[in-house]
């Protein structure tokens, strides 16, 4: 198996290193990742300035761009092979619910899917106190083998979230739906010493709705969550309603 690994936490992130090291047990691994943290950058693609890629190890490149840039450069320019699978992570923190729309980790897997390559993102749902990356990396190997063997449905990639627990404490994987965040009070509005307003986004610890069958519900119980995502954002249930609008 030929595997491309990327992330949004940066080339030196411990989750990326743990992931790449574990995947080397089942195939040839190349790493193309941002040269610094690019969290919450979503599916951004750099178009207005050239990108730089620096080789920092065997089959390992640091790019001064986004995770989406890394997947593009890796597949179309930097690698000596076309990957059989792209694995993005291990993210430091969960990517559940509406957060997937912001996540560079998830977006890297989406980009690979656009190119016709099976992909999944994987995140460790941690507060930074335990960081059981080894447990998450162990599951990533199993999931990569399963995806390579079974393939994925058309227009589908996977988003895995792993509770921050030792391997022997993790409960079985569940196939889940995308959950929902509670977004009340997510902006901090203050005044600096010169009387000017300033704002912090994302500084409040937001909670999830505990929806049965969702990613958050599974992880909160100690289960590994695997959510199938797809690129087509069309709300097909709304088409018949909107077709009744009179634009004349």
Protein backbone atom coordinates (compact mmCIF):
# COMPACT_ATOMS: atom_id res chain seq x y z
CA UNK A 1 0.00 0.00 0.00
CA UNK A 2 1.21 3.51 -0.85
CA UNK A 3 0.04 6.06 1.69
CA UNK A 4 0.11 9.86 1.75
CA UNK A 5 -0.11 11.37 5.25
CA UNK A 6 -0.92 14.99 5.98
CA UNK A 7 -2.50 17.11 8.74
CA UNK A 8 -3.31 20.68 9.79
CA UNK A 9 -1.27 20.77 13.03
CA UNK A 10 2.04 21.00 11.18
CA UNK A 11 4.91 18.79 10.10
CA UNK A 12 6.31 18.39 13.64
CA UNK A 13 3.02 17.56 15.38
CA UNK A 14 3.23 14.45 17.59
CA UNK A 15 -0.02 13.10 16.15
CA UNK A 16 1.37 13.20 12.62
CA UNK A 17 4.58 11.46 13.67
CA UNK A 18 2.69 8.72 15.54
CA UNK A 19 0.40 8.18 12.55
CA UNK A 20 3.17 7.99 9.96
CA UNK A 21 5.26 5.63 12.10
CA UNK A 22 2.34 3.23 12.58
CA UNK A 23 1.30 3.24 8.93
CA UNK A 24 4.84 2.29 7.89
CA UNK A 25 4.00 -1.19 9.20
CA UNK A 26 1.52 -1.74 6.36
CA UNK A 27 2.95 0.20 3.44
CA UNK A 28 5.15 2.91 1.96
CA UNK A 29 4.45 6.23 3.67
CA UNK A 30 5.09 9.74 2.38
CA UNK A 31 4.36 12.83 4.47
CA UNK A 32 3.42 16.18 2.95
CA UNK A 33 2.23 18.55 5.67
CA UNK A 34 2.11 22.27 6.47
CA UNK A 35 5.30 23.78 7.86
CA UNK A 36 3.29 25.28 10.76
CA UNK A 37 -0.10 24.91 12.41
CA UNK A 38 -2.99 25.52 10.01
CA UNK A 39 -5.93 24.57 12.21
CA UNK A 40 -9.45 25.73 11.28
CA UNK A 41 -8.34 26.81 7.81
CA UNK A 42 -10.95 24.63 6.14
CA UNK A 43 -10.71 23.74 2.46
CA UNK A 44 -8.56 26.74 1.55
CA UNK A 45 -6.33 26.55 -1.52
CA UNK A 46 -3.42 28.97 -2.06
CA UNK A 47 -3.80 30.71 -5.43
CA UNK A 48 -2.23 34.18 -5.07
CA UNK A 49 1.39 33.36 -4.30
CA UNK A 50 3.75 30.48 -5.07
CA UNK A 51 4.23 27.66 -2.59
CA UNK A 52 7.50 26.37 -1.20
CA UNK A 53 8.14 22.73 -0.27
CA UNK A 54 11.19 21.73 1.78
CA UNK A 55 12.32 18.13 2.07
CA UNK A 56 12.83 17.47 5.79
CA UNK A 57 13.34 13.69 5.67
CA UNK A 58 12.91 10.58 3.57
CA UNK A 59 9.61 11.00 1.69
CA UNK A 60 8.77 13.89 4.03
CA UNK A 61 8.02 17.46 2.89
CA UNK A 62 7.04 20.66 4.72
CA UNK A 63 4.88 23.06 2.68
CA UNK A 64 4.21 26.73 3.44
CA UNK A 65 0.55 26.29 2.62
CA UNK A 66 -2.69 24.68 3.68
CA UNK A 67 -3.55 20.99 4.10
CA UNK A 68 -5.41 21.15 0.78
CA UNK A 69 -2.25 22.55 -0.84
CA UNK A 70 -0.26 19.67 0.63
CA UNK A 71 -2.52 17.03 -0.88
CA UNK A 72 -2.36 18.76 -4.27
CA UNK A 73 1.42 19.14 -4.26
CA UNK A 74 1.97 15.65 -2.94
CA UNK A 75 -0.14 13.93 -5.56
CA UNK A 76 0.73 16.10 -8.56
CA UNK A 77 4.35 17.03 -7.96
CA UNK A 78 6.31 15.90 -4.91
CA UNK A 79 5.73 12.16 -4.66
CA UNK A 80 7.30 9.47 -6.78
CA UNK A 81 4.08 7.45 -6.61
CA UNK A 82 0.32 7.97 -6.70
CA UNK A 83 -1.03 7.09 -3.27
CA UNK A 84 -3.56 4.32 -2.83
CA UNK A 85 -4.97 6.13 0.18
CA UNK A 86 -4.64 9.51 1.92
CA UNK A 87 -4.78 9.69 5.72
CA UNK A 88 -5.06 13.08 7.44
CA UNK A 89 -4.23 13.48 11.15
CA UNK A 90 -3.88 12.58 13.92
CA UNK A 91 -5.47 15.90 14.84
CA UNK A 92 -4.90 17.28 18.32
CA UNK A 93 -8.56 17.64 19.29
CA UNK A 94 -11.83 16.33 17.96
CA UNK A 95 -13.35 17.17 14.59
CA UNK A 96 -17.02 16.47 15.21
CA UNK A 97 -20.34 18.05 14.33
CA UNK A 98 -20.24 21.37 12.50
CA UNK A 99 -16.50 21.63 13.17
CA UNK A 100 -15.84 19.50 10.07
CA UNK A 101 -16.60 22.55 7.90
CA UNK A 102 -13.71 24.46 9.49
CA UNK A 103 -11.24 21.61 9.82
CA UNK A 104 -8.12 21.54 7.67
CA UNK A 105 -7.68 17.91 8.72
CA UNK A 106 -11.06 16.91 7.32
CA UNK A 107 -10.62 19.11 4.24
CA UNK A 108 -7.40 17.33 3.29
CA UNK A 109 -9.32 14.05 3.11
CA UNK A 110 -12.01 15.80 1.09
CA UNK A 111 -9.43 17.04 -1.40
CA UNK A 112 -8.08 13.53 -1.92
CA UNK A 113 -11.63 12.32 -2.52
CA UNK A 114 -12.08 14.99 -5.20
CA UNK A 115 -9.04 13.46 -6.91
CA UNK A 116 -10.53 9.97 -6.77
CA UNK A 117 -8.29 8.66 -3.98
CA UNK A 118 -9.83 6.93 -0.92
CA UNK A 119 -9.22 8.98 2.20
CA UNK A 120 -10.05 9.46 5.83
CA UNK A 121 -9.32 11.99 8.54
CA UNK A 122 -8.59 10.95 12.10
CA UNK A 123 -8.66 13.04 15.28
CA UNK A 124 -7.92 12.42 18.93
CA UNK A 125 -10.66 13.95 21.08
CA UNK A 126 -8.37 15.29 23.76
CA UNK A 127 -8.02 18.24 26.07
CA UNK A 128 -4.25 17.87 25.82
CA UNK A 129 -3.83 16.11 29.16
CA UNK A 130 -3.42 12.47 28.07
CA UNK A 131 -2.74 12.37 24.33
CA UNK A 132 -3.09 8.65 23.62
CA UNK A 133 -1.80 9.05 20.08
CA UNK A 134 -0.58 5.45 20.07
CA UNK A 135 -4.13 4.17 20.50
CA UNK A 136 -5.42 6.41 17.72
CA UNK A 137 -2.53 5.43 15.44
CA UNK A 138 -3.23 1.74 16.09
CA UNK A 139 -6.81 2.20 14.94
CA UNK A 140 -5.70 4.25 11.93
CA UNK A 141 -3.76 1.21 10.71
CA UNK A 142 -6.85 -1.00 11.00
CA UNK A 143 -9.01 1.56 9.23
CA UNK A 144 -6.48 2.08 6.43
CA UNK A 145 -6.32 -1.67 5.83
CA UNK A 146 -10.12 -1.88 5.77
CA UNK A 147 -10.51 1.04 3.35
CA UNK A 148 -7.79 -0.36 1.08
CA UNK A 149 -9.43 -3.79 1.08
CA UNK A 150 -13.10 -2.81 0.85
CA UNK A 151 -12.93 0.55 -0.91
CA UNK A 152 -15.37 3.37 -0.18
CA UNK A 153 -18.76 4.29 -1.64
CA UNK A 154 -18.70 6.88 -4.42
CA UNK A 155 -18.25 10.50 -3.29
CA UNK A 156 -17.48 9.35 0.28
CA UNK A 157 -14.65 9.82 2.73
CA UNK A 158 -14.47 8.97 6.42
CA UNK A 159 -14.04 11.15 9.48
CA UNK A 160 -12.84 9.18 12.52
CA UNK A 161 -12.76 10.55 16.07
CA UNK A 162 -10.98 8.62 18.80
CA UNK A 163 -11.61 9.13 22.54
CA UNK A 164 -8.41 9.98 24.41
CA UNK A 165 -8.17 6.57 26.09
CA UNK A 166 -5.65 3.71 26.19
CA UNK A 167 -6.17 1.01 23.57
CA UNK A 168 -7.68 -1.45 26.05
CA UNK A 169 -10.23 1.12 27.22
CA UNK A 170 -11.59 2.06 23.80
CA UNK A 171 -15.04 0.71 22.95
CA UNK A 172 -15.86 -0.72 19.52
CA UNK A 173 -16.14 1.61 16.52
CA UNK A 174 -19.59 2.92 15.66
CA UNK A 175 -20.75 4.29 12.32
CA UNK A 176 -22.20 7.68 13.21
CA UNK A 177 -23.85 10.79 11.85
CA UNK A 178 -22.41 14.30 12.00
CA UNK A 179 -23.42 15.98 15.25
CA UNK A 180 -24.39 19.56 16.09
CA UNK A 181 -22.52 22.24 18.06
CA UNK A 182 -23.99 24.73 20.52
CA UNK A 183 -22.67 28.11 19.40
CA UNK A 184 -23.87 30.50 22.11
CA UNK A 185 -21.30 33.08 23.19
CA UNK A 186 -18.36 32.04 21.03
CA UNK A 187 -16.87 35.55 20.58
CA UNK A 188 -15.00 37.43 23.30
CA UNK A 189 -15.46 41.21 22.91
CA UNK A 190 -13.06 43.41 24.93
CA UNK A 191 -11.34 46.80 24.91
CA UNK A 192 -7.56 47.22 24.88
CA UNK A 193 -5.51 49.75 26.89
CA UNK A 194 -5.90 52.35 24.11
CA UNK A 195 -9.67 52.14 24.10
CA UNK A 196 -9.97 50.10 20.89
CA UNK A 197 -12.27 47.11 20.58
CA UNK A 198 -10.80 43.68 19.88
CA UNK A 199 -12.36 40.27 19.41
CA UNK A 200 -11.34 36.64 19.99
CA UNK A 201 -13.14 33.92 18.04
CA UNK A 202 -13.14 30.35 19.28
CA UNK A 203 -11.91 31.03 22.83
CA UNK A 204 -15.01 29.60 24.52
CA UNK A 205 -15.34 25.87 25.18
CA UNK A 206 -18.38 25.00 23.07
CA UNK A 207 -20.59 22.02 23.77
CA UNK A 208 -22.38 19.56 21.51
CA UNK A 209 -25.99 18.49 21.42
CA UNK A 210 -26.09 14.89 22.64
CA UNK A 211 -27.89 13.40 19.63
CA UNK A 212 -28.25 9.63 19.61
CA UNK A 213 -26.18 8.06 16.85
CA UNK A 214 -24.00 11.15 16.37
CA UNK A 215 -20.22 11.40 16.49
CA UNK A 216 -20.27 13.26 19.81
CA UNK A 217 -22.64 10.78 21.42
CA UNK A 218 -20.40 7.85 20.46
CA UNK A 219 -17.16 9.47 21.62
CA UNK A 220 -18.68 10.67 24.91
CA UNK A 221 -19.47 7.03 25.70
CA UNK A 222 -15.94 5.88 24.88
CA UNK A 223 -16.62 4.54 21.39
CA UNK A 224 -14.57 5.28 18.29
CA UNK A 225 -16.73 7.29 15.88
CA UNK A 226 -16.57 6.84 12.09
CA UNK A 227 -18.71 9.27 10.12
CA UNK A 228 -19.09 8.87 6.35
CA UNK A 229 -19.01 12.31 4.74
CA UNK A 230 -19.60 13.28 1.13
CA UNK A 231 -18.74 16.20 -1.11
CA UNK A 232 -22.18 16.92 -2.57
CA UNK A 233 -23.71 19.50 -0.19
CA UNK A 234 -27.05 19.62 -1.99
CA UNK A 235 -30.04 19.38 0.33
CA UNK A 236 -32.16 17.15 -1.88
CA UNK A 237 -35.13 17.27 0.50
CA UNK A 238 -35.40 21.01 -0.15
CA UNK A 239 -35.43 20.87 -3.95
CA UNK A 240 -39.15 20.09 -4.27
CA UNK A 241 -39.99 22.92 -1.85
CA UNK A 242 -37.83 25.51 -3.59
CA UNK A 243 -39.13 24.56 -7.03
CA UNK A 244 -42.52 25.90 -5.91
CA UNK A 245 -41.13 29.42 -5.51
CA UNK A 246 -42.51 31.82 -8.13
CA UNK A 247 -39.72 33.93 -9.62
CA UNK A 248 -41.87 35.44 -12.38
